[in-house]
């Protein structure tokens, strides 16, 4: 069977990082790897290619089109499936990805044939066995099929990490980047997380415990990557100091020189200083750290298992070894004007190279959604509004317009005072920094529009 795997055209990201966060579609590359031995498969990335879906369908003549999704993609995905069915109603349409996992019912429409709540070799192989024989599939774990009224048996499995076929995106790879590192590949070395932060989607998708991939497999994947930069997207790559040392041994033995970026928790940074220092000397360029807030009580609410003093200690250590920090923070809906002021002062103490903020976002079908459902100011069906930049919870101590004003002021402070322009020009070059600046301007105008609308 001929299969076309699609990343949909995406609305402009609401965070200022914009195109700097344009990552390779590793989920589609993994599905490609699952199918390529028995089927003809191709990837179409609408974020990198300007082509009409009808033109591609006419040339490639697929039997199946599979589309990945985020919450903000819902309307774009639905529109794509409508156009595909209008072109040829016999083409089967699949939808998977984060939105299909969290809110699969958003794709229970006439133009979607199968919705993957999770994607593993087992359910993919079983579905294709029936489709290849032109038979209607029975109930299959994790797959909601229209022929079965979108019912499924669900063993609460999680998405499976398959070694991706990066050649499947060869024509796009020069476009993929991660905050100024371009081209940049992404990869995983483990799934799941034991920290269970209350706002986090990842551990709910990947599992509440850490499943380490074999070191041999990790080493082989690193060796296979041609790009000079690699983003390791584990929830907390710095969690295991001994494993990190083993990877450092491998990199030194093989004389591999790469720019590495990873996520790291405050606890792991404080626990594994020696291993982190060594990894930094070998190639670790930056750590993305979720400091989240300046209040211990909020860190407890978020289940962060660290406190404000820990944040300061971690930031001091990383300054001492000259390791770049890209810090993220959550703006709580119960902040008042004085809280925003204290937050800006706290930013100055932490002194990250780059900082970003996002209002607390209780995505539908997560516990936070139930907690805040009486204060929500956007509807569940307003999919494009469920971005990390837009306020979704009614502030309790300020009117919405003033709340947006404080967010706007804070983002101006971050871009003009905290984010180190000299650092970014040195790291990424003036052209990319100018593009980042344009993204920041777009974000500021967005907040101005939202502020005016709130009034």
Protein backbone atom coordinates (compact mmCIF):
# COMPACT_ATOMS: atom_id res chain seq x y z
CA UNK A 1 0.00 0.00 0.00
CA UNK A 2 1.11 3.57 -0.65
CA UNK A 3 1.10 5.66 2.51
CA UNK A 4 1.54 9.42 2.80
CA UNK A 5 2.47 10.75 6.25
CA UNK A 6 1.71 14.44 6.78
CA UNK A 7 2.62 17.18 9.22
CA UNK A 8 -0.13 19.79 8.76
CA UNK A 9 0.43 23.48 8.09
CA UNK A 10 0.66 25.04 11.54
CA UNK A 11 -0.42 28.42 12.81
CA UNK A 12 2.37 30.75 13.91
CA UNK A 13 3.72 29.66 17.25
CA UNK A 14 2.64 31.93 20.04
CA UNK A 15 5.99 31.84 21.76
CA UNK A 16 8.71 34.18 20.59
CA UNK A 17 10.99 31.30 19.64
CA UNK A 18 9.02 30.94 16.39
CA UNK A 19 10.94 29.16 13.67
CA UNK A 20 13.82 28.54 16.08
CA UNK A 21 11.76 25.65 17.45
CA UNK A 22 11.01 24.07 14.06
CA UNK A 23 11.90 20.46 14.86
CA UNK A 24 11.96 17.41 12.66
CA UNK A 25 8.71 15.40 12.79
CA UNK A 26 10.24 12.45 14.61
CA UNK A 27 6.86 10.82 15.24
CA UNK A 28 6.24 10.55 11.50
CA UNK A 29 9.80 9.27 10.99
CA UNK A 30 9.07 6.49 13.50
CA UNK A 31 5.82 5.55 11.76
CA UNK A 32 7.75 5.56 8.48
CA UNK A 33 10.22 3.08 10.01
CA UNK A 34 7.33 0.85 11.17
CA UNK A 35 5.82 0.64 7.69
CA UNK A 36 8.65 0.92 5.18
CA UNK A 37 9.48 -2.80 4.92
CA UNK A 38 6.03 -3.78 3.68
CA UNK A 39 4.63 -0.57 2.21
CA UNK A 40 5.61 2.38 0.06
CA UNK A 41 5.80 5.37 2.39
CA UNK A 42 6.54 9.08 1.97
CA UNK A 43 6.50 12.09 4.33
CA UNK A 44 5.02 15.46 3.39
CA UNK A 45 5.95 18.28 5.78
CA UNK A 46 3.68 21.25 5.15
CA UNK A 47 5.83 23.37 7.47
CA UNK A 48 8.68 23.04 4.99
CA UNK A 49 6.94 22.60 1.65
CA UNK A 50 4.50 24.89 -0.12
CA UNK A 51 2.27 22.54 -2.07
CA UNK A 52 -1.45 21.86 -2.31
CA UNK A 53 -2.55 18.54 -0.85
CA UNK A 54 -4.49 17.80 -4.06
CA UNK A 55 -1.31 18.15 -6.12
CA UNK A 56 0.50 15.68 -3.90
CA UNK A 57 -2.41 13.23 -3.96
CA UNK A 58 -2.52 13.41 -7.74
CA UNK A 59 1.20 12.66 -8.08
CA UNK A 60 1.66 10.09 -5.32
CA UNK A 61 -1.76 8.40 -5.43
CA UNK A 62 -1.74 7.17 -1.82
CA UNK A 63 -4.13 4.56 -0.45
CA UNK A 64 -3.69 6.00 3.06
CA UNK A 65 -2.88 9.47 4.42
CA UNK A 66 -1.76 9.67 8.06
CA UNK A 67 -1.66 13.08 9.77
CA UNK A 68 -0.02 14.03 13.05
CA UNK A 69 -1.65 16.57 15.37
CA UNK A 70 -1.30 19.01 18.24
CA UNK A 71 -4.21 20.78 19.92
CA UNK A 72 -3.71 23.87 17.78
CA UNK A 73 -3.79 21.67 14.64
CA UNK A 74 -7.36 20.39 14.95
CA UNK A 75 -8.98 22.67 12.37
CA UNK A 76 -6.06 22.28 9.96
CA UNK A 77 -6.20 18.49 10.26
CA UNK A 78 -9.96 18.37 9.78
CA UNK A 79 -9.68 20.60 6.71
CA UNK A 80 -6.98 18.37 5.26
CA UNK A 81 -9.13 15.26 5.71
CA UNK A 82 -12.07 17.02 4.05
CA UNK A 83 -9.93 17.94 1.05
CA UNK A 84 -8.49 14.42 0.85
CA UNK A 85 -11.94 12.82 0.85
CA UNK A 86 -13.22 15.38 -1.68
CA UNK A 87 -10.32 14.44 -3.94
CA UNK A 88 -10.87 10.70 -3.55
CA UNK A 89 -13.29 9.27 -1.00
CA UNK A 90 -11.55 5.89 -1.20
CA UNK A 91 -8.36 7.23 0.41
CA UNK A 92 -8.21 6.19 4.06
CA UNK A 93 -7.36 8.91 6.56
CA UNK A 94 -5.49 8.32 9.82
CA UNK A 95 -4.88 10.86 12.59
CA UNK A 96 -2.37 10.46 15.44
CA UNK A 97 -0.18 12.63 17.65
CA UNK A 98 -0.63 14.46 20.94
CA UNK A 99 -4.16 15.72 20.31
CA UNK A 100 -5.32 12.28 19.21
CA UNK A 101 -3.95 10.89 22.48
CA UNK A 102 -5.46 13.52 24.78
CA UNK A 103 -8.73 14.28 23.00
CA UNK A 104 -9.26 11.64 20.35
CA UNK A 105 -12.96 12.58 20.05
CA UNK A 106 -12.02 15.82 18.27
CA UNK A 107 -11.35 13.70 15.20
CA UNK A 108 -14.47 11.54 15.34
CA UNK A 109 -15.76 13.04 12.09
CA UNK A 110 -16.95 11.68 8.75
CA UNK A 111 -13.69 12.42 6.96
CA UNK A 112 -11.45 10.53 9.41
CA UNK A 113 -11.29 6.74 9.24
CA UNK A 114 -8.92 5.83 12.08
CA UNK A 115 -7.70 7.78 15.13
CA UNK A 116 -4.58 6.49 16.89
CA UNK A 117 -4.72 7.18 20.62
CA UNK A 118 -1.24 5.70 20.75
CA UNK A 119 1.02 4.25 18.10
CA UNK A 120 2.95 1.02 18.58
CA UNK A 121 4.16 -1.71 16.24
CA UNK A 122 1.48 -4.09 17.46
CA UNK A 123 -1.61 -2.02 16.67
CA UNK A 124 -0.12 -0.60 13.47
CA UNK A 125 0.70 -4.08 12.18
CA UNK A 126 -2.72 -5.46 13.11
CA UNK A 127 -4.62 -2.63 11.40
CA UNK A 128 -2.59 -2.89 8.20
CA UNK A 129 -3.13 -6.67 8.10
CA UNK A 130 -6.86 -6.08 7.66
CA UNK A 131 -6.51 -3.06 5.38
CA UNK A 132 -4.11 -4.88 3.06
CA UNK A 133 -6.72 -7.63 2.68
CA UNK A 134 -9.46 -5.02 2.08
CA UNK A 135 -11.22 -6.11 5.26
CA UNK A 136 -12.84 -4.00 7.93
CA UNK A 137 -10.76 -4.11 11.11
CA UNK A 138 -12.18 -5.34 14.42
CA UNK A 139 -11.68 -3.41 17.65
CA UNK A 140 -7.94 -2.81 17.99
CA UNK A 141 -6.16 -1.56 21.09
CA UNK A 142 -5.55 2.18 20.92
CA UNK A 143 -7.20 2.71 17.52
CA UNK A 144 -10.62 4.35 17.20
CA UNK A 145 -12.06 3.34 13.82
CA UNK A 146 -15.08 4.97 12.22
CA UNK A 147 -16.27 1.57 10.99
CA UNK A 148 -16.52 0.60 14.68
CA UNK A 149 -18.24 3.83 15.74
CA UNK A 150 -14.82 5.06 16.96
CA UNK A 151 -14.85 2.54 19.80
CA UNK A 152 -11.65 0.82 20.87
CA UNK A 153 -10.24 -1.54 23.41
CA UNK A 154 -7.68 0.37 25.42
CA UNK A 155 -5.02 -1.23 27.59
CA UNK A 156 -3.69 2.21 28.50
CA UNK A 157 -0.53 1.60 26.55
CA UNK A 158 1.86 4.43 25.69
CA UNK A 159 3.44 5.49 22.44
CA UNK A 160 6.37 3.32 21.47
CA UNK A 161 9.78 4.79 20.61
CA UNK A 162 11.01 3.30 17.35
CA UNK A 163 14.37 4.22 15.89
CA UNK A 164 13.31 6.83 13.30
CA UNK A 165 14.22 6.68 9.64
CA UNK A 166 15.79 10.12 9.20
CA UNK A 167 16.32 9.55 5.49
CA UNK A 168 12.54 9.84 5.16
CA UNK A 169 12.87 13.63 5.71
CA UNK A 170 16.14 14.06 3.79
CA UNK A 171 14.81 16.85 1.57
CA UNK A 172 13.66 18.86 4.60
CA UNK A 173 16.47 18.28 7.08
CA UNK A 174 18.39 21.47 6.41
CA UNK A 175 15.31 23.39 7.61
CA UNK A 176 14.97 21.69 11.01
CA UNK A 177 16.27 23.71 13.93
CA UNK A 178 16.14 24.10 17.67
CA UNK A 179 16.51 27.64 18.95
CA UNK A 180 19.20 28.78 16.57
CA UNK A 181 20.97 25.45 16.16
CA UNK A 182 20.31 24.70 12.52
CA UNK A 183 20.21 22.12 11.14
CA UNK A 184 19.41 20.17 14.29
CA UNK A 185 18.22 16.60 14.80
CA UNK A 186 16.17 15.45 17.77
CA UNK A 187 16.26 12.08 19.51
CA UNK A 188 15.25 10.27 22.69
CA UNK A 189 17.25 8.06 25.03
CA UNK A 190 14.40 7.24 27.44
CA UNK A 191 10.65 7.56 27.84
CA UNK A 192 8.56 8.61 30.80
CA UNK A 193 9.22 10.59 33.95
CA UNK A 194 8.95 9.88 37.67
CA UNK A 195 8.40 13.51 38.73
CA UNK A 196 4.75 13.77 37.62
CA UNK A 197 4.56 17.57 37.40
CA UNK A 198 0.88 18.49 37.55
CA UNK A 199 0.90 20.63 34.38
CA UNK A 200 2.99 18.30 32.21
CA UNK A 201 1.65 16.36 29.22
CA UNK A 202 4.76 14.33 28.52
CA UNK A 203 4.75 11.82 31.39
CA UNK A 204 1.06 11.16 30.79
CA UNK A 205 1.81 10.33 27.17
CA UNK A 206 5.02 8.37 27.79
CA UNK A 207 4.39 6.86 31.23
CA UNK A 208 4.97 7.73 34.86
CA UNK A 209 8.23 5.84 35.17
CA UNK A 210 11.53 6.08 33.28
CA UNK A 211 12.13 3.48 30.62
CA UNK A 212 15.76 3.74 29.51
CA UNK A 213 16.59 2.65 25.98
CA UNK A 214 19.61 0.42 25.55
CA UNK A 215 22.91 2.26 25.55
CA UNK A 216 23.88 0.38 22.40
CA UNK A 217 20.80 1.70 20.62
CA UNK A 218 21.40 5.25 21.87
CA UNK A 219 25.02 5.15 20.74
CA UNK A 220 24.06 3.79 17.32
CA UNK A 221 21.46 6.55 16.88
CA UNK A 222 23.95 9.28 17.82
CA UNK A 223 26.48 7.86 15.36
CA UNK A 224 23.87 7.76 12.60
CA UNK A 225 22.88 11.44 12.93
CA UNK A 226 24.59 13.64 10.35
CA UNK A 227 23.63 17.02 11.80
CA UNK A 228 26.16 18.82 14.00
CA UNK A 229 23.51 19.56 16.63
CA UNK A 230 21.25 17.16 18.53
CA UNK A 231 18.36 18.01 20.82
CA UNK A 232 17.78 15.17 23.29
CA UNK A 233 14.11 15.47 24.20
CA UNK A 234 13.94 13.12 27.20
CA UNK A 235 11.87 14.63 29.99
CA UNK A 236 15.02 14.83 32.11
CA UNK A 237 18.15 13.67 30.31
CA UNK A 238 20.34 14.59 33.31
CA UNK A 239 18.45 12.27 35.66
CA UNK A 240 20.99 9.41 35.76
CA UNK A 241 24.60 10.48 36.40
CA UNK A 242 26.09 7.03 35.81
CA UNK A 243 24.33 6.64 32.47
CA UNK A 244 25.41 10.15 31.49
CA UNK A 245 29.03 9.23 32.27
CA UNK A 246 28.69 6.13 30.06
CA UNK A 247 27.48 8.29 27.18
CA UNK A 248 30.40 10.65 27.74
CA UNK A 249 32.78 7.66 27.59
CA UNK A 250 31.23 6.70 24.26
CA UNK A 251 31.48 10.21 22.80
CA UNK A 252 35.14 10.49 23.79
CA UNK A 253 36.01 7.01 22.54
CA UNK A 254 34.36 7.62 19.17
CA UNK A 255 35.70 11.20 18.99
CA UNK A 256 32.16 12.47 18.30
CA UNK A 257 31.87 16.25 18.32
CA UNK A 258 28.27 17.45 18.45
CA UNK A 259 26.34 20.34 19.94
CA UNK A 260 23.92 18.82 22.45
CA UNK A 261 20.84 20.45 23.98
CA UNK A 262 18.66 18.72 26.56
CA UNK A 263 16.01 19.09 29.24
CA UNK A 264 17.19 18.92 32.83
CA UNK A 265 15.42 19.22 36.16
CA UNK A 266 16.78 21.28 39.04
CA UNK A 267 17.04 18.14 41.20
CA UNK A 268 19.07 16.29 38.58
CA UNK A 269 21.38 19.24 38.04
CA UNK A 270 22.17 19.46 41.74
CA UNK A 271 22.56 15.67 42.06
CA UNK A 272 24.82 15.06 39.05
CA UNK A 273 27.17 18.04 38.91
CA UNK A 274 30.28 16.07 37.99
CA UNK A 275 28.63 14.23 35.11
CA UNK A 276 27.02 17.43 33.81
CA UNK A 277 30.32 19.30 33.94
CA UNK A 278 31.98 16.54 31.95
CA UNK A 279 29.17 16.42 29.39
CA UNK A 280 29.41 20.19 29.01
CA UNK A 281 33.15 19.90 28.28
CA UNK A 282 32.40 17.31 25.59
CA UNK A 283 29.57 19.12 23.83
CA UNK A 284 26.54 20.02 25.97
CA UNK A 285 25.69 23.56 24.90
CA UNK A 286 22.49 24.37 26.75
CA UNK A 287 20.03 22.93 29.26
CA UNK A 288 16.33 23.76 29.20
CA UNK A 289 15.28 24.12 32.82
CA UNK A 290 11.73 24.49 34.10
CA UNK A 291 12.24 26.80 37.07
CA UNK A 292 8.50 27.57 36.74
CA UNK A 293 8.02 30.12 39.53
CA UNK A 294 9.48 32.21 42.33
CA UNK A 295 7.09 30.79 44.97
CA UNK A 296 7.66 27.61 46.95
CA UNK A 297 3.92 27.09 47.39
CA UNK A 298 3.43 27.06 43.62
CA UNK A 299 6.33 24.65 43.15
CA UNK A 300 4.53 22.35 45.59
CA UNK A 301 1.28 22.72 43.66
CA UNK A 302 3.13 21.88 40.44
CA UNK A 303 4.71 18.85 42.17
CA UNK A 304 8.18 20.03 41.15
CA UNK A 305 10.05 18.38 44.07
CA UNK A 306 12.40 21.36 44.30
CA UNK A 307 12.22 24.76 45.94
CA UNK A 308 13.20 28.32 45.15
CA UNK A 309 16.58 27.95 46.88
CA UNK A 310 17.27 24.84 44.78
CA UNK A 311 16.57 26.90 41.65
CA UNK A 312 19.10 29.50 42.72
CA UNK A 313 21.71 26.86 43.57
CA UNK A 314 21.27 25.17 40.19
CA UNK A 315 21.53 28.49 38.34
CA UNK A 316 24.71 29.37 40.25
CA UNK A 317 26.32 26.01 39.41
CA UNK A 318 25.57 26.39 35.71
CA UNK A 319 26.98 29.91 35.69
CA UNK A 320 30.13 28.59 37.37
CA UNK A 321 30.74 26.01 34.65
CA UNK A 322 29.54 28.44 31.93
CA UNK A 323 26.72 26.17 30.78
CA UNK A 324 23.91 28.02 29.03
CA UNK A 325 20.45 27.91 30.58
CA UNK A 326 17.23 28.34 28.67
CA UNK A 327 14.72 28.84 31.45
CA UNK A 328 10.95 28.39 31.31
CA UNK A 329 8.37 29.77 33.72
CA UNK A 330 4.64 29.46 34.34
CA UNK A 331 2.56 32.57 34.96
CA UNK A 332 -0.06 31.63 37.55
CA UNK A 333 -3.64 32.93 37.20
CA UNK A 334 -3.65 34.06 40.85
CA UNK A 335 -0.75 36.49 40.49
CA UNK A 336 -1.30 40.18 41.16
CA UNK A 337 0.80 43.18 40.17
CA UNK A 338 3.25 42.68 43.04
CA UNK A 339 3.75 39.03 42.04
CA UNK A 340 4.75 40.03 38.52
CA UNK A 341 7.19 42.53 39.99
CA UNK A 342 8.70 39.92 42.31
CA UNK A 343 8.93 37.49 39.40
CA UNK A 344 10.92 39.97 37.32
CA UNK A 345 13.29 40.47 40.26
CA UNK A 346 13.67 36.71 40.58
CA UNK A 347 14.55 36.45 36.89
CA UNK A 348 17.39 38.85 37.50
CA UNK A 349 18.71 36.63 40.30
CA UNK A 350 18.63 33.48 38.16
CA UNK A 351 20.24 35.21 35.16
CA UNK A 352 19.45 32.63 32.46
CA UNK A 353 20.81 33.26 28.98
CA UNK A 354 17.29 32.94 27.59
CA UNK A 355 13.91 32.95 29.36
CA UNK A 356 10.38 32.24 28.23
CA UNK A 357 7.03 32.38 30.00
CA UNK A 358 3.65 30.81 29.50
CA UNK A 359 0.34 31.26 31.34
CA UNK A 360 -0.73 28.11 33.18
CA UNK A 361 -2.63 26.09 30.58
CA UNK A 362 -5.02 23.32 31.77
CA UNK A 363 -5.35 21.26 28.61
CA UNK A 364 -8.67 19.44 28.14
CA UNK A 365 -8.87 15.93 29.60
CA UNK A 366 -6.11 16.59 32.12
CA UNK A 367 -6.72 16.98 35.90
CA UNK A 368 -5.89 20.70 35.78
CA UNK A 369 -8.76 21.19 33.33
CA UNK A 370 -11.24 19.87 35.89
CA UNK A 371 -9.66 21.98 38.61
CA UNK A 372 -10.05 25.21 36.64
CA UNK A 373 -13.09 24.45 34.46
CA UNK A 374 -15.23 27.04 36.27
CA UNK A 375 -12.66 29.76 35.51
CA UNK A 376 -11.94 28.96 31.86
CA UNK A 377 -12.29 31.87 29.46
CA UNK A 378 -11.82 29.91 26.25
CA UNK A 379 -13.97 27.03 25.09
CA UNK A 380 -12.69 23.51 24.71
CA UNK A 381 -13.57 23.76 21.03
CA UNK A 382 -11.44 26.88 20.45
CA UNK A 383 -8.51 24.69 19.53
CA UNK A 384 -6.16 27.33 18.18
CA UNK A 385 -6.51 29.31 21.41
CA UNK A 386 -5.05 26.42 23.43
CA UNK A 387 -1.53 27.60 22.77
CA UNK A 388 1.03 28.12 25.49
CA UNK A 389 0.92 31.89 25.04
CA UNK A 390 -2.75 32.65 25.55
CA UNK A 391 -4.46 33.09 28.91
CA UNK A 392 -7.08 30.39 29.37
CA UNK A 393 -7.92 30.86 33.09
CA UNK A 394 -9.70 33.91 34.46
CA UNK A 395 -7.24 35.77 36.75
CA UNK A 396 -8.46 35.94 40.34
CA UNK A 397 -6.71 39.10 41.58
CA UNK A 398 -6.65 41.32 38.50
CA UNK A 399 -8.97 42.10 35.65
CA UNK A 400 -7.97 40.29 32.47
CA UNK A 401 -6.86 43.43 30.66
CA UNK A 402 -4.45 44.37 33.46
CA UNK A 403 -3.23 40.78 33.67
CA UNK A 404 -2.33 40.84 29.98
CA UNK A 405 -0.64 44.20 30.53
CA UNK A 406 1.59 42.65 33.20
CA UNK A 407 2.39 39.73 30.89
CA UNK A 408 3.25 42.20 28.13
CA UNK A 409 5.46 44.21 30.47
CA UNK A 410 7.17 41.04 31.69
CA UNK A 411 7.88 39.86 28.15
CA UNK A 412 9.31 43.26 27.28
CA UNK A 413 11.54 42.99 30.35
CA UNK A 414 12.65 39.51 29.30
CA UNK A 415 13.45 40.54 25.75
CA UNK A 416 15.16 43.83 26.63
CA UNK A 417 16.90 42.92 29.90
CA UNK A 418 17.07 39.18 30.56
CA UNK A 419 17.61 37.62 27.13
CA UNK A 420 21.26 38.21 26.35
CA UNK A 421 21.40 39.71 22.84
CA UNK A 422 25.20 39.62 22.72
CA UNK A 423 25.08 35.94 23.65
CA UNK A 424 22.50 35.14 20.98
CA UNK A 425 24.34 37.05 18.23
CA UNK A 426 27.56 35.27 19.16
CA UNK A 427 25.87 31.87 19.23
CA UNK A 428 23.49 32.09 16.30
CA UNK A 429 24.46 35.04 14.12
CA UNK A 430 22.77 38.34 13.49
CA UNK A 431 20.34 37.06 10.84
CA UNK A 432 18.79 34.44 13.09
CA UNK A 433 18.64 36.85 16.00
CA UNK A 434 16.82 39.36 13.79
CA UNK A 435 14.28 36.65 12.95
CA UNK A 436 13.93 35.89 16.65
CA UNK A 437 13.41 39.60 17.23
CA UNK A 438 10.62 39.57 14.67
CA UNK A 439 9.05 36.66 16.54
CA UNK A 440 9.28 38.64 19.77
CA UNK A 441 7.63 41.64 18.13
CA UNK A 442 4.83 39.42 16.82
CA UNK A 443 4.32 38.05 20.33
CA UNK A 444 4.17 41.52 21.82
CA UNK A 445 1.59 42.62 19.27
CA UNK A 446 -0.42 39.50 20.04
CA UNK A 447 -0.51 40.40 23.72
CA UNK A 448 -1.48 43.97 22.87
CA UNK A 449 -4.39 42.64 20.78
CA UNK A 450 -5.45 40.29 23.55
CA UNK A 451 -5.18 43.08 26.11
CA UNK A 452 -7.36 45.38 24.01
CA UNK A 453 -9.86 42.61 23.39
CA UNK A 454 -10.03 41.85 27.11
CA UNK A 455 -10.97 45.46 27.79
